[in-house]
Amino acid sequence: MRDLAEKVDRAFWDHERLVRLPAKRTKRLLVLDRLAQRFEPGRAYLEAHVNQLLLTAHPDYAMVRRALVDEGFLARANGWYWRVGGTVPTDADEPEHPPRRSSRGGPRSA
């Protein structure tokens, strides 16, 4: 699956810009998963904010937004959207150096 994801990245992405949405569902789901990573799980977004985030990836943000909802990556109600699908980074995806702890025990920026 990793090889397919890398092939899809090369074929459909130009850095952080989506060149086009794949026609094949398997590849389209990989692209939509990457787009879903732009949305924080547990946070609700107004439609205008969703549009802004997606516009940085593709000029037809409405088409991309519909695809994210139709394929179950985002849910919507009353003008609000929230992430309900997609992969979530694991510990292996965490930065090599975690934030240092302050003297009070909470995280602090390095």
C-alpha atoms as a PDB file:
ATOM      1  CA  MET A   1       0.000   0.000   0.000  1.00  0.00           C
ATOM      2  CA  ARG A   2       2.943   2.326   0.721  1.00  0.00           C
ATOM      3  CA  ASP A   3       4.175   1.943  -2.871  1.00  0.00           C
ATOM      4  CA  LEU A   4       0.733   2.856  -4.222  1.00  0.00           C
ATOM      5  CA  ALA A   5       0.564   5.914  -1.937  1.00  0.00           C
ATOM      6  CA  GLU A   6       3.956   7.089  -3.200  1.00  0.00           C
ATOM      7  CA  LYS A   7       2.885   6.583  -6.829  1.00  0.00           C
ATOM      8  CA  VAL A   8      -0.342   8.499  -6.202  1.00  0.00           C
ATOM      9  CA  ASP A   9       1.601  11.337  -4.545  1.00  0.00           C
ATOM     10  CA  ARG A  10       3.908  11.617  -7.553  1.00  0.00           C
ATOM     11  CA  ALA A  11       1.068  11.399 -10.098  1.00  0.00           C
ATOM     12  CA  PHE A  12      -1.529  13.670  -8.513  1.00  0.00           C
ATOM     13  CA  TRP A  13       0.358  16.156  -6.323  1.00  0.00           C
ATOM     14  CA  ASP A  14       2.749  18.966  -7.131  1.00  0.00           C
ATOM     15  CA  HIS A  15       4.154  19.644  -3.674  1.00  0.00           C
ATOM     16  CA  GLU A  16       1.062  20.709  -1.674  1.00  0.00           C
ATOM     17  CA  ARG A  17      -1.119  21.372  -4.745  1.00  0.00           C
ATOM     18  CA  LEU A  18      -3.495  18.728  -6.044  1.00  0.00           C
ATOM     19  CA  VAL A  19      -3.070  18.453  -9.817  1.00  0.00           C
ATOM     20  CA  ARG A  20      -6.320  16.528 -10.338  1.00  0.00           C
ATOM     21  CA  LEU A  21      -8.588  14.126  -8.493  1.00  0.00           C
ATOM     22  CA  PRO A  22      -8.043  10.514  -9.600  1.00  0.00           C
ATOM     23  CA  ALA A  23     -10.891   8.711 -11.365  1.00  0.00           C
ATOM     24  CA  LYS A  24     -10.092   5.347  -9.736  1.00  0.00           C
ATOM     25  CA  ARG A  25     -11.625   5.177  -6.272  1.00  0.00           C
ATOM     26  CA  THR A  26      -8.624   3.502  -4.606  1.00  0.00           C
ATOM     27  CA  LYS A  27      -6.333   6.322  -5.698  1.00  0.00           C
ATOM     28  CA  ARG A  28      -8.976   8.982  -5.015  1.00  0.00           C
ATOM     29  CA  LEU A  29      -9.294   7.758  -1.413  1.00  0.00           C
ATOM     30  CA  LEU A  30      -5.543   8.163  -0.913  1.00  0.00           C
ATOM     31  CA  VAL A  31      -5.690  11.720  -2.251  1.00  0.00           C
ATOM     32  CA  LEU A  32      -8.718  12.563  -0.099  1.00  0.00           C
ATOM     33  CA  ASP A  33      -6.993  11.111   2.957  1.00  0.00           C
ATOM     34  CA  ARG A  34      -4.067  13.453   2.376  1.00  0.00           C
ATOM     35  CA  LEU A  35      -6.492  16.379   2.069  1.00  0.00           C
ATOM     36  CA  ALA A  36      -8.295  15.313   5.257  1.00  0.00           C
ATOM     37  CA  GLN A  37      -4.991  15.698   7.123  1.00  0.00           C
ATOM     38  CA  ARG A  38      -5.508  19.466   6.811  1.00  0.00           C
ATOM     39  CA  PHE A  39      -8.401  19.185   9.279  1.00  0.00           C
ATOM     40  CA  GLU A  40      -7.826  18.628  12.971  1.00  0.00           C
ATOM     41  CA  PRO A  41      -9.908  15.774  14.430  1.00  0.00           C
ATOM     42  CA  GLY A  42     -12.387  17.008  17.038  1.00  0.00           C
ATOM     43  CA  ARG A  43     -12.563  20.538  15.633  1.00  0.00           C
ATOM     44  CA  ALA A  44     -15.512  22.055  13.747  1.00  0.00           C
ATOM     45  CA  TYR A  45     -14.938  24.382  10.795  1.00  0.00           C
ATOM     46  CA  LEU A  46     -17.250  26.902   9.171  1.00  0.00           C
ATOM     47  CA  GLU A  47     -17.748  26.309   5.455  1.00  0.00           C
ATOM     48  CA  ALA A  48     -15.757  29.444   4.576  1.00  0.00           C
ATOM     49  CA  HIS A  49     -12.744  28.121   6.514  1.00  0.00           C
ATOM     50  CA  VAL A  50     -13.048  24.714   4.821  1.00  0.00           C
ATOM     51  CA  ASN A  51     -13.105  26.497   1.462  1.00  0.00           C
ATOM     52  CA  GLN A  52      -9.957  28.477   2.345  1.00  0.00           C
ATOM     53  CA  LEU A  53      -8.074  25.355   3.427  1.00  0.00           C
ATOM     54  CA  LEU A  54      -9.055  23.454   0.293  1.00  0.00           C
ATOM     55  CA  LEU A  55      -8.352  26.386  -2.028  1.00  0.00           C
ATOM     56  CA  THR A  56      -4.678  26.118  -1.040  1.00  0.00           C
ATOM     57  CA  ALA A  57      -4.744  22.614  -2.542  1.00  0.00           C
ATOM     58  CA  HIS A  58      -7.030  22.976  -5.572  1.00  0.00           C
ATOM     59  CA  PRO A  59      -8.931  25.790  -7.317  1.00  0.00           C
ATOM     60  CA  ASP A  60     -12.194  23.797  -7.400  1.00  0.00           C
ATOM     61  CA  TYR A  61     -12.554  23.649  -3.624  1.00  0.00           C
ATOM     62  CA  ALA A  62     -16.300  22.894  -3.857  1.00  0.00           C
ATOM     63  CA  MET A  63     -15.677  19.710  -5.852  1.00  0.00           C
ATOM     64  CA  VAL A  64     -12.985  18.619  -3.393  1.00  0.00           C
ATOM     65  CA  ARG A  65     -15.206  19.465  -0.399  1.00  0.00           C
ATOM     66  CA  ARG A  66     -18.064  17.398  -1.852  1.00  0.00           C
ATOM     67  CA  ALA A  67     -15.724  14.465  -2.451  1.00  0.00           C
ATOM     68  CA  LEU A  68     -14.461  14.643   1.158  1.00  0.00           C
ATOM     69  CA  VAL A  69     -18.046  14.566   2.443  1.00  0.00           C
ATOM     70  CA  ASP A  70     -19.273  11.934  -0.036  1.00  0.00           C
ATOM     71  CA  GLU A  71     -16.389   9.568   0.796  1.00  0.00           C
ATOM     72  CA  GLY A  72     -16.802   9.980   4.557  1.00  0.00           C
ATOM     73  CA  PHE A  73     -13.737  12.055   5.425  1.00  0.00           C
ATOM     74  CA  LEU A  74     -15.764  15.099   6.512  1.00  0.00           C
ATOM     75  CA  ALA A  75     -19.286  15.415   7.902  1.00  0.00           C
ATOM     76  CA  ARG A  76     -21.425  18.537   7.743  1.00  0.00           C
ATOM     77  CA  ALA A  77     -24.472  20.098   9.353  1.00  0.00           C
ATOM     78  CA  ASN A  78     -25.826  23.656   9.397  1.00  0.00           C
ATOM     79  CA  GLY A  79     -22.802  25.200   7.672  1.00  0.00           C
ATOM     80  CA  TRP A  80     -20.271  23.419   9.927  1.00  0.00           C
ATOM     81  CA  TYR A  81     -17.840  20.674   8.877  1.00  0.00           C
ATOM     82  CA  TRP A  82     -15.745  18.306  10.970  1.00  0.00           C
ATOM     83  CA  ARG A  83     -13.385  15.460  10.242  1.00  0.00           C
ATOM     84  CA  VAL A  84     -14.832  11.977  10.685  1.00  0.00           C
ATOM     85  CA  GLY A  85     -12.448   9.850   8.616  1.00  0.00           C
ATOM     86  CA  GLY A  86      -8.939   9.447   7.359  1.00  0.00           C
ATOM     87  CA  THR A  87      -5.725   8.346   8.932  1.00  0.00           C
ATOM     88  CA  VAL A  88      -4.278   9.918  12.037  1.00  0.00           C
ATOM     89  CA  PRO A  89      -0.497  10.159  12.496  1.00  0.00           C
ATOM     90  CA  THR A  90       0.992   7.549  14.836  1.00  0.00           C
ATOM     91  CA  ASP A  91       3.955   7.777  17.194  1.00  0.00           C
ATOM     92  CA  ALA A  92       6.196   6.842  14.262  1.00  0.00           C
ATOM     93  CA  ASP A  93       5.058  10.053  12.552  1.00  0.00           C
ATOM     94  CA  GLU A  94       5.898  12.230  15.562  1.00  0.00           C
ATOM     95  CA  PRO A  95       8.888  14.598  15.435  1.00  0.00           C
ATOM     96  CA  GLU A  96      12.209  13.145  16.488  1.00  0.00           C
ATOM     97  CA  HIS A  97      12.498  15.552  19.425  1.00  0.00           C
ATOM     98  CA  PRO A  98       9.334  15.938  21.525  1.00  0.00           C
ATOM     99  CA  PRO A  99       8.651  19.298  23.188  1.00  0.00           C
ATOM    100  CA  ARG A 100      10.587  19.859  26.394  1.00  0.00           C
ATOM    101  CA  ARG A 101       8.678  20.004  29.656  1.00  0.00           C
ATOM    102  CA  SER A 102       8.605  23.162  31.725  1.00  0.00           C
ATOM    103  CA  SER A 103       9.378  23.091  35.414  1.00  0.00           C
ATOM    104  CA  ARG A 104       5.604  22.884  36.046  1.00  0.00           C
ATOM    105  CA  GLY A 105       5.338  19.648  34.022  1.00  0.00           C
ATOM    106  CA  GLY A 106       3.481  21.041  30.990  1.00  0.00           C
ATOM    107  CA  PRO A 107       4.884  21.083  27.471  1.00  0.00           C
ATOM    108  CA  ARG A 108       6.780  24.121  26.313  1.00  0.00           C
ATOM    109  CA  SER A 109       8.086  25.048  22.934  1.00  0.00           C
ATOM    110  CA  ALA A 110      11.747  24.480  22.221  1.00  0.00           C
END
